[in-house]
Amino acid sequence: MQQIPHTYQTLYSELAQRSLDGSFASEFNVDGRFIAAEVKGRRYWYFDLPDGQGGKKRTYVGPVDDPEITKRVETFKDLKADIRERRKLVSTLVREAYLPRPERQTGDIVQALAEAGFFRLRGVLIGTVAYQCYPAVLGVRLPGTAMITADADFAQFHSISVAVDDQIPSVLETLRKVDPTFREIPHQADGRFTTQYASRSGYKVEFLTPNRGSEDYGGRPTPMPALGGAAAQPLRFLDFLIYQPIRAVLLHGPGVLVNVPAPERYAIHKLIVASRRRMDDDGTAKSRKDRAQAATVMEAMIEQRQTEDLADAFMEAYDRGPAWKEAIRKSMDQIEEGLRQRIRSALSEGIRKLERNPGKYDVEERPAVPPR
């Protein structure tokens, strides 16, 4: 794998910090601007926002001679200037460092949910859109063939959704600001709830939450108080994936600050779900894509000498029970032989460094069974 030059890794770190600062500083839509207008001999601040139809919506802000309000206006000017600089950083990382950016609709959807507060409320971006963040996070270029997607998946622990005592605006209205054709898809098990939204073009957005109980609960939607009217589909193994996520920047617009799974958890989770797909044509293709992403992230982490983190996540999943072990074994056996040997060797080394016994984790390459 080709490493991303250190200069661009530094630029990405700067973008991440600026994006974090911007997420705290933004109080007004950055597409608008403040205007000072005189009314009856006194000057007032107004905020003009384009209405999308060639006109503008004007909102009263306060008197110019109020120092606190004028300070807010000046801060906004600094924020807009910083957003221009962030856009330049994103453009440089995409054009010169060849880092991936999402297609426009995906980026707009993630940005809209970010601005609505989804990530502030500890939501996590998962799936292939999250995978697009890992080249910058890991400092290596990953194959682009495993980055194509026509949907976006978001997850949150139900316990967090209840505990934060806050909520984002309506998910449906947020999505319709991106594409007015988005509609709710009533859940098959209970039409009162919605976990999926789809546009006329077929683009899907889905909300998920871990299922730690019986498989019986997997078919029932879970109400999510923080998610602006959306429910979530419970899934097995998801609690492992979204535990202790990391911050990353999706290279869209001025950079979108998101929470994504730790790369080691993403890789091991993909091994697990790859072996549990339905084996029709669609499921087979998704299974191959899952394994490709898992193997690529593991290989990148090994090259970046992050084997202990990878080994720690591997052991945690392996120790969770027979179903987890079998799923991991099945997917590992289907990875191309040379790469599989490198992964198992690195895992064995990482497990030893963590003072555990690799023999308990089936990471030694098994000899091929000779034909009879």
Protein backbone atom coordinates (compact mmCIF):
# COMPACT_ATOMS: atom_id res chain seq x y z
CA MET A 1 0.00 0.00 0.00
CA GLN A 2 1.12 3.52 -0.77
CA GLN A 3 1.59 5.79 2.21
CA ILE A 4 0.17 9.30 2.18
CA PRO A 5 3.05 11.81 2.40
CA HIS A 6 3.54 13.30 5.84
CA THR A 7 2.77 16.81 4.53
CA TYR A 8 -0.77 15.78 3.64
CA GLN A 9 -1.24 13.89 6.88
CA THR A 10 -0.36 17.15 8.65
CA LEU A 11 -2.89 19.05 6.50
CA TYR A 12 -5.55 16.51 7.42
CA SER A 13 -4.78 16.95 11.13
CA GLU A 14 -5.13 20.71 10.72
CA LEU A 15 -8.45 20.25 8.91
CA ALA A 16 -9.71 17.98 11.68
CA GLN A 17 -8.86 20.55 14.35
CA ARG A 18 -10.42 23.41 12.41
CA SER A 19 -13.55 21.34 11.79
CA LEU A 20 -13.84 20.65 15.51
CA ASP A 21 -13.45 24.35 16.31
CA GLY A 22 -16.02 25.23 13.64
CA SER A 23 -18.57 22.77 15.00
CA PHE A 24 -18.58 24.74 18.25
CA ALA A 25 -18.49 28.21 16.68
CA SER A 26 -21.23 27.93 14.04
CA GLU A 27 -24.51 29.56 15.10
CA PHE A 28 -25.78 30.78 11.72
CA ASN A 29 -26.05 29.18 8.30
CA VAL A 30 -22.74 29.92 6.60
CA ASP A 31 -24.47 30.48 3.24
CA GLY A 32 -25.92 33.71 4.61
CA ARG A 33 -24.38 37.03 5.60
CA PHE A 34 -24.90 39.86 8.09
CA ILE A 35 -26.08 43.22 6.80
CA ALA A 36 -26.04 46.52 8.70
CA ALA A 37 -29.11 48.62 7.78
CA GLU A 38 -30.23 52.01 9.06
CA VAL A 39 -33.78 52.32 10.35
CA LYS A 40 -35.06 55.68 11.68
CA GLY A 41 -31.56 56.98 12.27
CA ARG A 42 -30.25 53.87 14.08
CA ARG A 43 -28.24 51.00 12.58
CA TYR A 44 -29.26 47.37 13.07
CA TRP A 45 -27.80 44.02 12.13
CA TYR A 46 -29.87 41.70 9.93
CA PHE A 47 -29.05 38.23 8.64
CA ASP A 48 -29.76 37.52 4.98
CA LEU A 49 -30.13 33.91 3.89
CA PRO A 50 -30.79 32.83 0.27
CA ASP A 51 -34.19 31.15 -0.06
CA GLY A 52 -33.15 28.93 -2.99
CA GLN A 53 -35.50 30.75 -5.39
CA GLY A 54 -33.38 33.78 -6.20
CA GLY A 55 -34.59 35.73 -3.21
CA LYS A 56 -33.56 35.96 0.42
CA LYS A 57 -34.97 35.68 3.89
CA ARG A 58 -34.00 38.54 6.22
CA THR A 59 -33.89 38.02 9.98
CA TYR A 60 -33.48 40.73 12.59
CA VAL A 61 -30.40 40.27 14.82
CA GLY A 62 -30.01 43.43 16.93
CA PRO A 63 -28.52 46.95 17.13
CA VAL A 64 -25.02 47.61 15.78
CA ASP A 65 -24.12 49.57 18.92
CA ASP A 66 -24.70 46.50 21.10
CA PRO A 67 -21.10 45.25 21.62
CA GLU A 68 -22.12 41.65 22.30
CA ILE A 69 -24.13 41.39 19.08
CA THR A 70 -21.42 43.05 17.00
CA LYS A 71 -18.85 40.71 18.51
CA ARG A 72 -21.01 37.79 17.35
CA VAL A 73 -21.06 39.24 13.84
CA GLU A 74 -17.26 39.55 13.81
CA THR A 75 -16.92 35.96 15.02
CA PHE A 76 -19.13 34.87 12.15
CA LYS A 77 -16.86 36.67 9.69
CA ASP A 78 -13.92 34.75 11.09
CA LEU A 79 -15.89 31.51 10.82
CA LYS A 80 -16.74 32.15 7.16
CA ALA A 81 -13.09 32.94 6.42
CA ASP A 82 -12.07 29.71 8.13
CA ILE A 83 -14.64 27.76 6.12
CA ARG A 84 -13.06 29.08 2.92
CA GLU A 85 -9.67 27.90 4.16
CA ARG A 86 -11.12 24.51 5.11
CA ARG A 87 -12.55 24.12 1.62
CA LYS A 88 -9.07 24.75 0.23
CA LEU A 89 -7.63 22.09 2.54
CA VAL A 90 -10.28 19.58 1.43
CA SER A 91 -9.59 20.37 -2.22
CA THR A 92 -5.85 19.92 -1.72
CA LEU A 93 -6.28 16.58 0.06
CA VAL A 94 -8.54 15.29 -2.72
CA ARG A 95 -6.64 16.63 -5.77
CA GLU A 96 -3.05 16.28 -4.59
CA ALA A 97 -3.12 13.51 -1.98
CA TYR A 98 -5.78 11.52 -3.92
CA LEU A 99 -7.84 10.97 -0.80
CA PRO A 100 -11.45 9.88 -1.45
CA ARG A 101 -14.40 12.18 -1.22
CA PRO A 102 -18.02 10.97 -1.17
CA GLU A 103 -20.29 11.61 -4.12
CA ARG A 104 -22.22 14.84 -3.68
CA GLN A 105 -25.56 13.50 -2.42
CA THR A 106 -23.88 11.32 0.19
CA GLY A 107 -21.76 14.21 1.38
CA ASP A 108 -24.75 16.56 1.53
CA ILE A 109 -26.74 14.02 3.58
CA VAL A 110 -23.95 13.47 6.10
CA GLN A 111 -23.35 17.21 6.35
CA ALA A 112 -27.07 17.91 6.90
CA LEU A 113 -27.27 15.36 9.72
CA ALA A 114 -24.03 16.70 11.22
CA GLU A 115 -25.41 20.25 11.24
CA ALA A 116 -28.64 18.91 12.78
CA GLY A 117 -26.59 17.57 15.70
CA PHE A 118 -26.50 13.82 15.02
CA PHE A 119 -22.79 13.44 15.79
CA ARG A 120 -22.97 15.89 18.69
CA LEU A 121 -25.47 13.45 20.21
CA ARG A 122 -22.90 10.66 19.85
CA GLY A 123 -24.27 9.12 16.68
CA VAL A 124 -21.86 7.13 14.51
CA LEU A 125 -21.48 6.99 10.73
CA ILE A 126 -20.99 3.36 9.66
CA GLY A 127 -20.76 1.33 6.46
CA THR A 128 -18.93 2.23 3.27
CA VAL A 129 -19.22 5.99 3.83
CA ALA A 130 -17.28 5.54 7.08
CA TYR A 131 -14.74 3.40 5.20
CA GLN A 132 -14.05 6.40 2.95
CA CYS A 133 -12.63 8.19 6.01
CA TYR A 134 -9.99 5.54 6.80
CA PRO A 135 -7.31 6.43 4.22
CA ALA A 136 -6.77 9.79 5.92
CA VAL A 137 -7.09 8.27 9.40
CA LEU A 138 -4.59 5.46 8.67
CA GLY A 139 -2.27 7.47 6.42
CA VAL A 140 -2.43 5.07 3.45
CA ARG A 141 -4.30 4.94 0.16
CA LEU A 142 -6.97 2.24 0.07
CA PRO A 143 -8.44 0.66 -3.09
CA GLY A 144 -11.32 2.70 -4.48
CA THR A 145 -13.33 -0.29 -5.68
CA ALA A 146 -14.57 -1.00 -2.13
CA MET A 147 -15.83 2.58 -1.64
CA ILE A 148 -18.85 2.60 -3.96
CA THR A 149 -22.25 2.84 -2.26
CA ALA A 150 -25.81 3.99 -2.87
CA ASP A 151 -26.84 4.35 0.76
CA ALA A 152 -25.74 5.82 4.07
CA ASP A 153 -26.01 4.07 7.43
CA PHE A 154 -26.07 5.75 10.85
CA ALA A 155 -26.04 4.14 14.29
CA GLN A 156 -26.56 5.08 17.92
CA PHE A 157 -26.79 3.15 21.17
CA HIS A 158 -30.37 3.20 22.47
CA SER A 159 -29.08 3.94 25.97
CA ILE A 160 -27.32 7.05 24.66
CA SER A 161 -30.39 8.16 22.71
CA VAL A 162 -32.35 8.07 25.97
CA ALA A 163 -29.66 9.52 28.24
CA VAL A 164 -28.65 12.63 26.26
CA ASP A 165 -32.04 14.27 26.95
CA ASP A 166 -31.85 16.13 23.64
CA GLN A 167 -32.90 15.51 20.06
CA ILE A 168 -32.09 16.55 16.52
CA PRO A 169 -34.73 18.20 14.30
CA SER A 170 -37.01 16.01 12.18
CA VAL A 171 -34.90 13.53 10.20
CA LEU A 172 -37.36 13.60 7.31
CA GLU A 173 -37.28 17.40 7.06
CA THR A 174 -33.49 17.38 7.35
CA LEU A 175 -33.18 14.91 4.47
CA ARG A 176 -35.71 16.82 2.37
CA LYS A 177 -33.49 19.89 2.54
CA VAL A 178 -31.00 17.79 0.56
CA ASP A 179 -33.54 16.08 -1.71
CA PRO A 180 -37.28 16.94 -1.48
CA THR A 181 -38.19 13.47 -2.77
CA PHE A 182 -37.07 11.69 0.42
CA ARG A 183 -39.90 9.75 2.05
CA GLU A 184 -40.37 7.56 5.09
CA ILE A 185 -40.47 3.79 4.61
CA PRO A 186 -42.78 2.34 7.27
CA HIS A 187 -41.19 -0.58 9.09
CA GLN A 188 -42.51 -3.96 7.96
CA ALA A 189 -42.96 -5.23 11.51
CA ASP A 190 -44.63 -2.06 12.80
CA GLY A 191 -45.74 0.62 10.35
CA ARG A 192 -45.90 3.24 13.09
CA PHE A 193 -42.10 3.47 13.02
CA THR A 194 -39.55 4.41 10.38
CA THR A 195 -35.93 3.24 10.33
CA GLN A 196 -35.33 3.82 6.60
CA TYR A 197 -35.77 6.79 4.28
CA ALA A 198 -35.54 6.66 0.50
CA SER A 199 -35.37 9.22 -2.29
CA ARG A 200 -37.05 8.89 -5.68
CA SER A 201 -33.67 7.93 -7.19
CA GLY A 202 -33.43 4.97 -4.78
CA TYR A 203 -30.86 6.42 -2.38
CA LYS A 204 -31.46 5.01 1.11
CA VAL A 205 -30.64 6.30 4.58
CA GLU A 206 -30.99 3.86 7.48
CA PHE A 207 -30.70 4.16 11.25
CA LEU A 208 -29.46 1.19 13.29
CA THR A 209 -28.95 0.32 16.95
CA PRO A 210 -27.33 -2.68 18.69
CA ASN A 211 -29.43 -5.71 19.54
CA ARG A 212 -27.96 -7.27 22.65
CA GLY A 213 -30.97 -9.46 23.42
CA SER A 214 -32.81 -12.27 21.70
CA GLU A 215 -32.90 -12.57 17.91
CA ASP A 216 -36.66 -12.03 18.31
CA TYR A 217 -35.97 -8.33 18.87
CA GLY A 218 -34.02 -8.03 15.61
CA GLY A 219 -37.20 -7.68 13.58
CA ARG A 220 -38.76 -4.94 15.68
CA PRO A 221 -37.97 -1.23 15.32
CA THR A 222 -36.60 0.55 18.40
CA PRO A 223 -37.84 4.08 19.21
CA MET A 224 -34.90 6.49 19.48
CA PRO A 225 -35.76 9.65 21.47
CA ALA A 226 -32.77 11.65 20.17
CA LEU A 227 -33.28 10.96 16.47
CA GLY A 228 -35.91 13.45 15.42
CA GLY A 229 -38.78 11.05 14.81
CA ALA A 230 -36.66 8.19 13.45
CA ALA A 231 -36.58 4.73 14.97
CA ALA A 232 -33.67 2.30 14.52
CA GLN A 233 -33.31 -1.26 13.31
CA PRO A 234 -31.68 -3.47 15.98
CA LEU A 235 -28.71 -5.51 14.73
CA ARG A 236 -26.54 -8.17 16.32
CA PHE A 237 -22.80 -7.44 16.62
CA LEU A 238 -23.34 -3.67 16.21
CA ASP A 239 -22.46 -2.90 19.84
CA PHE A 240 -18.92 -4.17 19.11
CA LEU A 241 -18.64 -1.93 16.04
CA ILE A 242 -19.72 1.42 17.49
CA TYR A 243 -18.13 1.12 20.94
CA GLN A 244 -15.64 3.97 21.49
CA PRO A 245 -15.79 5.53 18.01
CA ILE A 246 -13.18 8.00 16.77
CA ARG A 247 -13.50 11.45 15.20
CA ALA A 248 -12.76 11.79 11.50
CA VAL A 249 -13.40 14.28 8.71
CA LEU A 250 -15.43 13.37 5.64
CA LEU A 251 -13.85 15.23 2.72
CA HIS A 252 -16.94 17.06 1.55
CA GLY A 253 -17.46 20.82 1.33
CA PRO A 254 -15.42 22.44 4.11
CA GLY A 255 -14.94 19.03 5.76
CA VAL A 256 -17.63 17.33 7.83
CA LEU A 257 -16.66 16.28 11.34
CA VAL A 258 -18.09 12.80 12.01
CA ASN A 259 -17.81 9.90 14.43
CA VAL A 260 -16.79 6.61 12.80
CA PRO A 261 -15.93 3.19 14.25
CA ALA A 262 -12.32 2.61 15.27
CA PRO A 263 -10.70 1.01 12.19
CA GLU A 264 -9.78 -2.21 14.02
CA ARG A 265 -13.40 -2.68 15.11
CA TYR A 266 -14.61 -1.89 11.60
CA ALA A 267 -12.34 -4.57 10.12
CA ILE A 268 -13.27 -7.32 12.58
CA HIS A 269 -16.97 -6.46 12.34
CA LYS A 270 -16.79 -6.76 8.55
CA LEU A 271 -15.28 -10.24 8.93
CA ILE A 272 -18.25 -11.22 11.07
CA VAL A 273 -21.04 -9.82 8.90
CA ALA A 274 -19.43 -11.06 5.67
CA SER A 275 -20.01 -14.67 6.67
CA ARG A 276 -23.61 -14.05 7.77
CA ARG A 277 -24.96 -12.49 4.57
CA ARG A 278 -27.79 -14.16 2.71
CA MET A 279 -26.21 -16.04 -0.15
CA ASP A 280 -28.33 -14.73 -3.02
CA ASP A 281 -26.63 -12.66 -5.74
CA ASP A 282 -26.92 -9.43 -3.75
CA GLY A 283 -25.77 -11.03 -0.52
CA THR A 284 -22.80 -12.72 -2.20
CA ALA A 285 -21.61 -9.43 -3.70
CA LYS A 286 -21.97 -7.63 -0.36
CA SER A 287 -20.10 -10.45 1.38
CA ARG A 288 -17.17 -10.07 -1.02
CA LYS A 289 -17.18 -6.32 -0.46
CA ASP A 290 -17.24 -6.81 3.34
CA ARG A 291 -14.24 -9.16 3.21
CA ALA A 292 -12.37 -6.83 0.87
CA GLN A 293 -12.85 -3.89 3.24
CA ALA A 294 -11.90 -5.99 6.28
CA ALA A 295 -8.73 -7.33 4.66
CA THR A 296 -7.72 -3.90 3.33
CA VAL A 297 -8.10 -2.15 6.69
CA MET A 298 -6.23 -4.95 8.50
CA GLU A 299 -3.41 -4.83 5.96
CA ALA A 300 -3.18 -1.04 6.33
CA MET A 301 -3.04 -1.27 10.12
CA ILE A 302 -0.33 -3.92 9.92
CA GLU A 303 1.75 -1.74 7.59
CA GLN A 304 1.28 1.19 9.96
CA ARG A 305 2.42 -1.01 12.87
CA GLN A 306 -0.91 -0.90 14.68
CA THR A 307 -1.03 -4.66 15.17
CA GLU A 308 -1.65 -4.51 18.91
CA ASP A 309 -4.84 -2.48 18.46
CA LEU A 310 -5.96 -4.91 15.77
CA ALA A 311 -5.08 -7.95 17.88
CA ASP A 312 -6.89 -6.54 20.92
CA ALA A 313 -10.12 -6.05 18.93
CA PHE A 314 -9.71 -9.49 17.34
CA MET A 315 -9.41 -11.19 20.73
CA GLU A 316 -12.36 -9.27 22.17
CA ALA A 317 -14.61 -10.45 19.33
CA TYR A 318 -13.24 -14.00 19.38
CA ASP A 319 -13.90 -14.29 23.11
CA ARG A 320 -17.58 -13.36 22.75
CA GLY A 321 -18.73 -16.86 21.93
CA PRO A 322 -19.06 -19.65 19.35
CA ALA A 323 -21.12 -17.64 16.81
CA TRP A 324 -18.49 -14.90 16.75
CA LYS A 325 -15.62 -17.39 16.42
CA GLU A 326 -17.27 -19.29 13.58
CA ALA A 327 -18.06 -16.11 11.65
CA ILE A 328 -14.48 -14.84 11.97
CA ARG A 329 -12.97 -18.20 10.98
CA LYS A 330 -15.21 -18.56 7.94
CA SER A 331 -14.35 -15.11 6.57
CA MET A 332 -10.63 -15.40 7.33
CA ASP A 333 -10.47 -18.66 5.37
CA GLN A 334 -11.86 -16.88 2.29
CA ILE A 335 -9.22 -14.13 2.19
CA GLU A 336 -6.58 -14.59 -0.51
CA GLU A 337 -3.89 -16.94 0.81
CA GLY A 338 -0.85 -14.67 0.81
CA LEU A 339 -2.68 -11.80 2.49
CA ARG A 340 -4.35 -14.19 4.93
CA GLN A 341 -0.94 -15.49 6.00
CA ARG A 342 0.35 -11.95 6.60
CA ILE A 343 -2.74 -11.05 8.64
CA ARG A 344 -2.56 -14.18 10.79
CA SER A 345 1.17 -13.74 11.36
CA ALA A 346 0.65 -10.10 12.43
CA LEU A 347 -2.26 -11.04 14.70
CA SER A 348 -0.14 -13.74 16.32
CA GLU A 349 2.64 -11.23 16.94
CA GLY A 350 0.20 -8.66 18.34
CA ILE A 351 -1.40 -11.21 20.65
CA ARG A 352 2.02 -12.20 22.03
CA LYS A 353 2.86 -8.53 22.66
CA LEU A 354 -0.35 -8.31 24.66
CA GLU A 355 0.92 -11.28 26.69
CA ARG A 356 -1.76 -13.66 25.50
CA ASN A 357 -1.51 -17.08 23.86
CA PRO A 358 -2.04 -16.98 20.05
CA GLY A 359 -2.88 -20.70 20.14
CA LYS A 360 -6.26 -19.86 21.70
CA TYR A 361 -7.26 -17.61 18.80
CA ASP A 362 -6.78 -19.76 15.69
CA VAL A 363 -4.33 -17.36 14.07
CA GLU A 364 -1.66 -19.88 13.12
CA GLU A 365 -1.86 -20.69 9.40
CA ARG A 366 -3.21 -24.21 9.07
CA PRO A 367 -1.50 -26.55 6.58
CA ALA A 368 -3.50 -27.36 3.48
CA VAL A 369 -5.23 -30.73 3.49
CA PRO A 370 -3.69 -32.86 0.69
CA PRO A 371 -6.21 -34.28 -1.83
CA ARG A 372 -7.03 -37.93 -1.51
